[in-house]
Each structure stands twice: as C-alpha cells, then as structure tokens.
Amino acid sequence: MIEPVVDKESHGRALRRIEELWDAEPGSPEAQELDALATLVDAYERKQFPIAPPDPIAAIEARCEQLGWTRKQLEPLIGSRARVSEVLGRKRALTLPMIRKIHESMQIPAEVLIAHPPRSRGDPPPRRTFLPHPNHHGPRKFSAAYSAEQMNAARNQIASHSPHLFV
C-alpha cells in the first residue's frame, strides 16, 4: 500500500521500497507503485531540502566552463577586461544591460542573474548612500550615511506626505 511521505520515517520506508522496486518491469503494477513513490519522495524532498538558486557569479563561471569560454569572451557582454575582473571578483555588481546580454548570450535565467550574490567574509559591508540629514531642510548639506533600510523608511515617509512625487 502506498502511504504519504510526510516525515523522516515515512521517507525512509518509501526509499527502501523504491530500492526493492527499482528493476520492476515497465507497465507492471510494481512499476506504477515505483512511479507513485518516486513522485511522493520527490515532493517531500523538494519541501524539506530546497535547493537555493546559484549566485549570479557562480552561474556565470559555471556556464563559461560548460561553453569553454575564457574571460575574453565575456568582454562583449560585461565590458573591458578590468570590468570583467571586477564583476567576477565580486567587486562590482552586474548592471541591467550586462544581465540582459549575459542572459541572451549564455542562456542563464535572468532570475539567477538578478539575485544578490552572497557576501564572503572579506567583503566590505554594503555601500551606504548619503541622504540629507533628516533635521536639515536646506539644500546640499549631507551629514550622515544611511543604510538601505533607513533610505526605504525615508522614501516611505516622503511618499506618505507627497504621493505625487512617486507616480
């Protein structure tokens, strides 16, 4: 009897049964049971052990390896040799035009390319953007650096008072 795969124990039982059924004759009831169990195990494993998409740089490097490309072949897509080095060294982010060219030429899904690459231990913290100090109402006086969260809060506050600016 086929039972749902909902926990470690039922997963283990299903895997053992799949192993028993592995050489079933195609079209037989055993083959149908194998197919059903494999589907249940697959659904359980996708839920319990999701695979994160690759980071953009790792995807580019892997695809270059598959295609047999060197950094030279990336120059038309990314820019100069120095720019390619900066991007692959994670010192410069991919721009939208780069993402489009890479997606079209290398067939890497755009969703993978627009994802934020993971930071490594030696990476500097995210770049901070300068905004006018909240207590200052005059032009061009920048007194503090703000994080992205603070910038979004400031934008939301401005948008609530001046929605016509964000049409």
C-alpha atoms as a PDB file:
ATOM      1  CA  MET A   1       0.000   0.000   0.000  1.00  0.00           C
ATOM      2  CA  ILE A   2       1.247   3.493  -0.848  1.00  0.00           C
ATOM      3  CA  GLU A   3       1.274   5.919   2.061  1.00  0.00           C
ATOM      4  CA  PRO A   4       2.030   9.654   2.154  1.00  0.00           C
ATOM      5  CA  VAL A   5       5.640  10.726   2.695  1.00  0.00           C
ATOM      6  CA  VAL A   6       5.364  13.297   5.482  1.00  0.00           C
ATOM      7  CA  ASP A   7       8.267  12.694   7.875  1.00  0.00           C
ATOM      8  CA  LYS A   8      11.696  11.055   8.191  1.00  0.00           C
ATOM      9  CA  GLU A   9      10.293   7.628   8.954  1.00  0.00           C
ATOM     10  CA  SER A  10       7.848   7.501   6.041  1.00  0.00           C
ATOM     11  CA  HIS A  11      10.593   8.939   3.794  1.00  0.00           C
ATOM     12  CA  GLY A  12      12.947   6.126   4.825  1.00  0.00           C
ATOM     13  CA  ARG A  13      10.291   3.478   4.251  1.00  0.00           C
ATOM     14  CA  ALA A  14       9.498   4.896   0.812  1.00  0.00           C
ATOM     15  CA  LEU A  15      13.200   4.932  -0.155  1.00  0.00           C
ATOM     16  CA  ARG A  16      13.611   1.297   0.923  1.00  0.00           C
ATOM     17  CA  ARG A  17      10.531   0.298  -1.083  1.00  0.00           C
ATOM     18  CA  ILE A  18      11.797   2.230  -4.130  1.00  0.00           C
ATOM     19  CA  GLU A  19      15.040   0.273  -3.897  1.00  0.00           C
ATOM     20  CA  GLU A  20      13.065  -3.002  -3.860  1.00  0.00           C
ATOM     21  CA  LEU A  21      11.025  -1.910  -6.896  1.00  0.00           C
ATOM     22  CA  TRP A  22      13.906  -0.433  -8.873  1.00  0.00           C
ATOM     23  CA  ASP A  23      14.084  -3.189 -11.505  1.00  0.00           C
ATOM     24  CA  ALA A  24      10.302  -3.517 -11.986  1.00  0.00           C
ATOM     25  CA  GLU A  25       9.071  -4.361 -15.481  1.00  0.00           C
ATOM     26  CA  PRO A  26       7.724  -1.280 -17.283  1.00  0.00           C
ATOM     27  CA  GLY A  27       3.925  -1.164 -17.212  1.00  0.00           C
ATOM     28  CA  SER A  28       3.636  -3.602 -14.314  1.00  0.00           C
ATOM     29  CA  PRO A  29       1.815  -2.746 -11.068  1.00  0.00           C
ATOM     30  CA  GLU A  30       5.229  -2.622  -9.370  1.00  0.00           C
ATOM     31  CA  ALA A  31       6.442  -0.044 -11.898  1.00  0.00           C
ATOM     32  CA  GLN A  32       3.329   2.037 -11.231  1.00  0.00           C
ATOM     33  CA  GLU A  33       3.974   1.825  -7.489  1.00  0.00           C
ATOM     34  CA  LEU A  34       7.607   2.831  -8.100  1.00  0.00           C
ATOM     35  CA  ASP A  35       6.484   5.855 -10.096  1.00  0.00           C
ATOM     36  CA  ALA A  36       3.984   6.919  -7.417  1.00  0.00           C
ATOM     37  CA  LEU A  37       6.529   6.504  -4.600  1.00  0.00           C
ATOM     38  CA  ALA A  38       9.194   8.386  -6.545  1.00  0.00           C
ATOM     39  CA  THR A  39       6.745  11.258  -7.044  1.00  0.00           C
ATOM     40  CA  LEU A  40       5.887  11.348  -3.330  1.00  0.00           C
ATOM     41  CA  VAL A  41       9.558  11.219  -2.298  1.00  0.00           C
ATOM     42  CA  ASP A  42      10.420  13.960  -4.785  1.00  0.00           C
ATOM     43  CA  ALA A  43       7.675  16.231  -3.413  1.00  0.00           C
ATOM     44  CA  TYR A  44       8.796  15.589   0.183  1.00  0.00           C
ATOM     45  CA  GLU A  45      12.482  16.224  -0.617  1.00  0.00           C
ATOM     46  CA  ARG A  46      11.746  19.430  -2.526  1.00  0.00           C
ATOM     47  CA  LYS A  47       9.858  20.723   0.504  1.00  0.00           C
ATOM     48  CA  GLN A  48      12.296  19.525   3.174  1.00  0.00           C
ATOM     49  CA  PHE A  49      15.577  20.126   1.322  1.00  0.00           C
ATOM     50  CA  PRO A  50      15.079  23.073  -1.038  1.00  0.00           C
ATOM     51  CA  ILE A  51      17.978  23.862  -3.329  1.00  0.00           C
ATOM     52  CA  ALA A  52      18.846  27.543  -3.378  1.00  0.00           C
ATOM     53  CA  PRO A  53      19.457  29.024  -6.811  1.00  0.00           C
ATOM     54  CA  PRO A  54      23.121  29.602  -7.639  1.00  0.00           C
ATOM     55  CA  ASP A  55      24.537  33.045  -7.085  1.00  0.00           C
ATOM     56  CA  PRO A  56      24.973  35.071 -10.305  1.00  0.00           C
ATOM     57  CA  ILE A  57      28.772  34.942 -10.413  1.00  0.00           C
ATOM     58  CA  ALA A  58      28.896  31.192  -9.761  1.00  0.00           C
ATOM     59  CA  ALA A  59      26.308  30.704 -12.528  1.00  0.00           C
ATOM     60  CA  ILE A  60      28.369  32.764 -14.994  1.00  0.00           C
ATOM     61  CA  GLU A  61      31.561  30.905 -14.096  1.00  0.00           C
ATOM     62  CA  ALA A  62      29.859  27.503 -14.409  1.00  0.00           C
ATOM     63  CA  ARG A  63      28.316  28.407 -17.761  1.00  0.00           C
ATOM     64  CA  CYS A  64      31.672  29.701 -19.040  1.00  0.00           C
ATOM     65  CA  GLU A  65      33.195  26.363 -18.095  1.00  0.00           C
ATOM     66  CA  GLN A  66      30.412  24.497 -19.917  1.00  0.00           C
ATOM     67  CA  LEU A  67      30.862  26.630 -23.025  1.00  0.00           C
ATOM     68  CA  GLY A  68      34.644  26.554 -22.861  1.00  0.00           C
ATOM     69  CA  TRP A  69      34.750  30.344 -22.606  1.00  0.00           C
ATOM     70  CA  THR A  70      37.533  32.419 -21.138  1.00  0.00           C
ATOM     71  CA  ARG A  71      37.189  35.849 -19.569  1.00  0.00           C
ATOM     72  CA  LYS A  72      37.931  37.291 -23.015  1.00  0.00           C
ATOM     73  CA  GLN A  73      34.585  36.010 -24.332  1.00  0.00           C
ATOM     74  CA  LEU A  74      32.802  37.847 -21.504  1.00  0.00           C
ATOM     75  CA  GLU A  75      34.172  41.259 -22.517  1.00  0.00           C
ATOM     76  CA  PRO A  76      31.462  41.972 -25.147  1.00  0.00           C
ATOM     77  CA  LEU A  77      28.825  41.151 -22.513  1.00  0.00           C
ATOM     78  CA  ILE A  78      30.297  42.869 -19.450  1.00  0.00           C
ATOM     79  CA  GLY A  79      32.825  45.415 -20.691  1.00  0.00           C
ATOM     80  CA  SER A  80      36.573  45.816 -20.533  1.00  0.00           C
ATOM     81  CA  ARG A  81      38.963  43.206 -19.188  1.00  0.00           C
ATOM     82  CA  ALA A  82      39.141  45.195 -15.942  1.00  0.00           C
ATOM     83  CA  ARG A  83      35.330  45.304 -15.682  1.00  0.00           C
ATOM     84  CA  VAL A  84      35.090  41.541 -16.213  1.00  0.00           C
ATOM     85  CA  SER A  85      37.674  41.069 -13.469  1.00  0.00           C
ATOM     86  CA  GLU A  86      35.774  43.361 -11.094  1.00  0.00           C
ATOM     87  CA  VAL A  87      32.474  41.580 -11.718  1.00  0.00           C
ATOM     88  CA  LEU A  88      33.892  38.073 -11.389  1.00  0.00           C
ATOM     89  CA  GLY A  89      35.878  39.188  -8.339  1.00  0.00           C
ATOM     90  CA  ARG A  90      32.607  40.427  -6.786  1.00  0.00           C
ATOM     91  CA  LYS A  91      33.873  43.977  -6.546  1.00  0.00           C
ATOM     92  CA  ARG A  92      31.285  45.341  -8.998  1.00  0.00           C
ATOM     93  CA  ALA A  93      27.645  44.350  -9.369  1.00  0.00           C
ATOM     94  CA  LEU A  94      26.078  43.308 -12.634  1.00  0.00           C
ATOM     95  CA  THR A  95      24.155  46.102 -14.330  1.00  0.00           C
ATOM     96  CA  LEU A  96      20.851  45.641 -16.139  1.00  0.00           C
ATOM     97  CA  PRO A  97      22.467  45.875 -19.609  1.00  0.00           C
ATOM     98  CA  MET A  98      25.066  43.276 -18.557  1.00  0.00           C
ATOM     99  CA  ILE A  99      22.317  40.990 -17.241  1.00  0.00           C
ATOM    100  CA  ARG A 100      20.393  41.262 -20.500  1.00  0.00           C
ATOM    101  CA  LYS A 101      23.447  40.476 -22.636  1.00  0.00           C
ATOM    102  CA  ILE A 102      24.536  37.581 -20.430  1.00  0.00           C
ATOM    103  CA  HIS A 103      21.005  36.159 -20.361  1.00  0.00           C
ATOM    104  CA  GLU A 104      20.678  36.316 -24.150  1.00  0.00           C
ATOM    105  CA  SER A 105      24.171  35.068 -24.987  1.00  0.00           C
ATOM    106  CA  MET A 106      24.736  32.472 -22.284  1.00  0.00           C
ATOM    107  CA  GLN A 107      21.137  31.315 -21.701  1.00  0.00           C
ATOM    108  CA  ILE A 108      21.391  31.861 -17.939  1.00  0.00           C
ATOM    109  CA  PRO A 109      17.950  32.592 -16.450  1.00  0.00           C
ATOM    110  CA  ALA A 110      17.510  36.285 -15.663  1.00  0.00           C
ATOM    111  CA  GLU A 111      16.163  35.361 -12.202  1.00  0.00           C
ATOM    112  CA  VAL A 112      19.552  33.870 -11.358  1.00  0.00           C
ATOM    113  CA  LEU A 113      21.441  36.903 -12.665  1.00  0.00           C
ATOM    114  CA  ILE A 114      19.415  39.476 -10.725  1.00  0.00           C
ATOM    115  CA  ALA A 115      19.813  37.681  -7.392  1.00  0.00           C
ATOM    116  CA  HIS A 116      22.144  39.197  -4.809  1.00  0.00           C
ATOM    117  CA  PRO A 117      25.383  37.254  -4.620  1.00  0.00           C
ATOM    118  CA  PRO A 118      26.251  36.012  -1.140  1.00  0.00           C
ATOM    119  CA  ARG A 119      28.821  38.060   0.750  1.00  0.00           C
ATOM    120  CA  SER A 120      32.040  36.403   1.759  1.00  0.00           C
ATOM    121  CA  ARG A 121      33.862  37.168   4.996  1.00  0.00           C
ATOM    122  CA  GLY A 122      36.329  39.574   3.395  1.00  0.00           C
ATOM    123  CA  ASP A 123      33.701  41.558   1.505  1.00  0.00           C
ATOM    124  CA  PRO A 124      33.110  45.133   2.606  1.00  0.00           C
ATOM    125  CA  PRO A 125      29.707  45.954   4.072  1.00  0.00           C
ATOM    126  CA  PRO A 126      27.018  47.100   1.623  1.00  0.00           C
ATOM    127  CA  ARG A 127      27.590  50.568   0.224  1.00  0.00           C
ATOM    128  CA  ARG A 128      25.831  53.280   2.152  1.00  0.00           C
ATOM    129  CA  THR A 129      24.125  56.130   0.402  1.00  0.00           C
ATOM    130  CA  PHE A 130      24.252  59.709   1.558  1.00  0.00           C
ATOM    131  CA  LEU A 131      20.972  61.455   2.152  1.00  0.00           C
ATOM    132  CA  PRO A 132      20.313  64.869   3.609  1.00  0.00           C
ATOM    133  CA  HIS A 133      20.188  64.796   7.359  1.00  0.00           C
ATOM    134  CA  PRO A 134      16.516  64.448   8.424  1.00  0.00           C
ATOM    135  CA  ASN A 135      16.667  67.578  10.586  1.00  0.00           C
ATOM    136  CA  HIS A 136      18.190  69.726   7.864  1.00  0.00           C
ATOM    137  CA  HIS A 137      15.870  71.360   5.336  1.00  0.00           C
ATOM    138  CA  GLY A 138      18.428  73.322   3.314  1.00  0.00           C
ATOM    139  CA  PRO A 139      19.909  72.176   0.030  1.00  0.00           C
ATOM    140  CA  ARG A 140      23.056  70.075  -0.377  1.00  0.00           C
ATOM    141  CA  LYS A 141      24.044  69.515   3.211  1.00  0.00           C
ATOM    142  CA  PHE A 142      24.828  65.856   3.724  1.00  0.00           C
ATOM    143  CA  SER A 143      25.713  64.944   7.247  1.00  0.00           C
ATOM    144  CA  ALA A 144      25.135  61.212   7.668  1.00  0.00           C
ATOM    145  CA  ALA A 145      25.298  57.940   5.787  1.00  0.00           C
ATOM    146  CA  TYR A 146      22.154  55.799   5.856  1.00  0.00           C
ATOM    147  CA  SER A 147      21.581  52.110   5.301  1.00  0.00           C
ATOM    148  CA  ALA A 148      19.142  50.764   2.708  1.00  0.00           C
ATOM    149  CA  GLU A 149      16.511  50.215   5.430  1.00  0.00           C
ATOM    150  CA  GLN A 150      16.817  53.824   6.571  1.00  0.00           C
ATOM    151  CA  MET A 151      16.601  55.011   2.956  1.00  0.00           C
ATOM    152  CA  ASN A 152      13.425  52.997   2.387  1.00  0.00           C
ATOM    153  CA  ALA A 153      11.905  54.380   5.584  1.00  0.00           C
ATOM    154  CA  ALA A 154      12.749  57.920   4.431  1.00  0.00           C
ATOM    155  CA  ARG A 155      11.248  57.255   0.982  1.00  0.00           C
ATOM    156  CA  ASN A 156       8.080  55.863   2.572  1.00  0.00           C
ATOM    157  CA  GLN A 157       7.795  58.890   4.835  1.00  0.00           C
ATOM    158  CA  ILE A 158       8.241  61.244   1.890  1.00  0.00           C
ATOM    159  CA  ALA A 159       5.772  59.234  -0.193  1.00  0.00           C
ATOM    160  CA  SER A 160       3.136  59.450   2.542  1.00  0.00           C
ATOM    161  CA  HIS A 161       3.425  63.252   2.590  1.00  0.00           C
ATOM    162  CA  SER A 162       3.997  63.800  -1.142  1.00  0.00           C
ATOM    163  CA  PRO A 163       2.491  60.887  -3.092  1.00  0.00           C
ATOM    164  CA  HIS A 164       2.575  62.885  -6.335  1.00  0.00           C
ATOM    165  CA  LEU A 165       6.381  62.520  -6.368  1.00  0.00           C
ATOM    166  CA  PHE A 166       6.133  58.749  -6.700  1.00  0.00           C
ATOM    167  CA  VAL A 167       3.720  58.300  -9.580  1.00  0.00           C
END
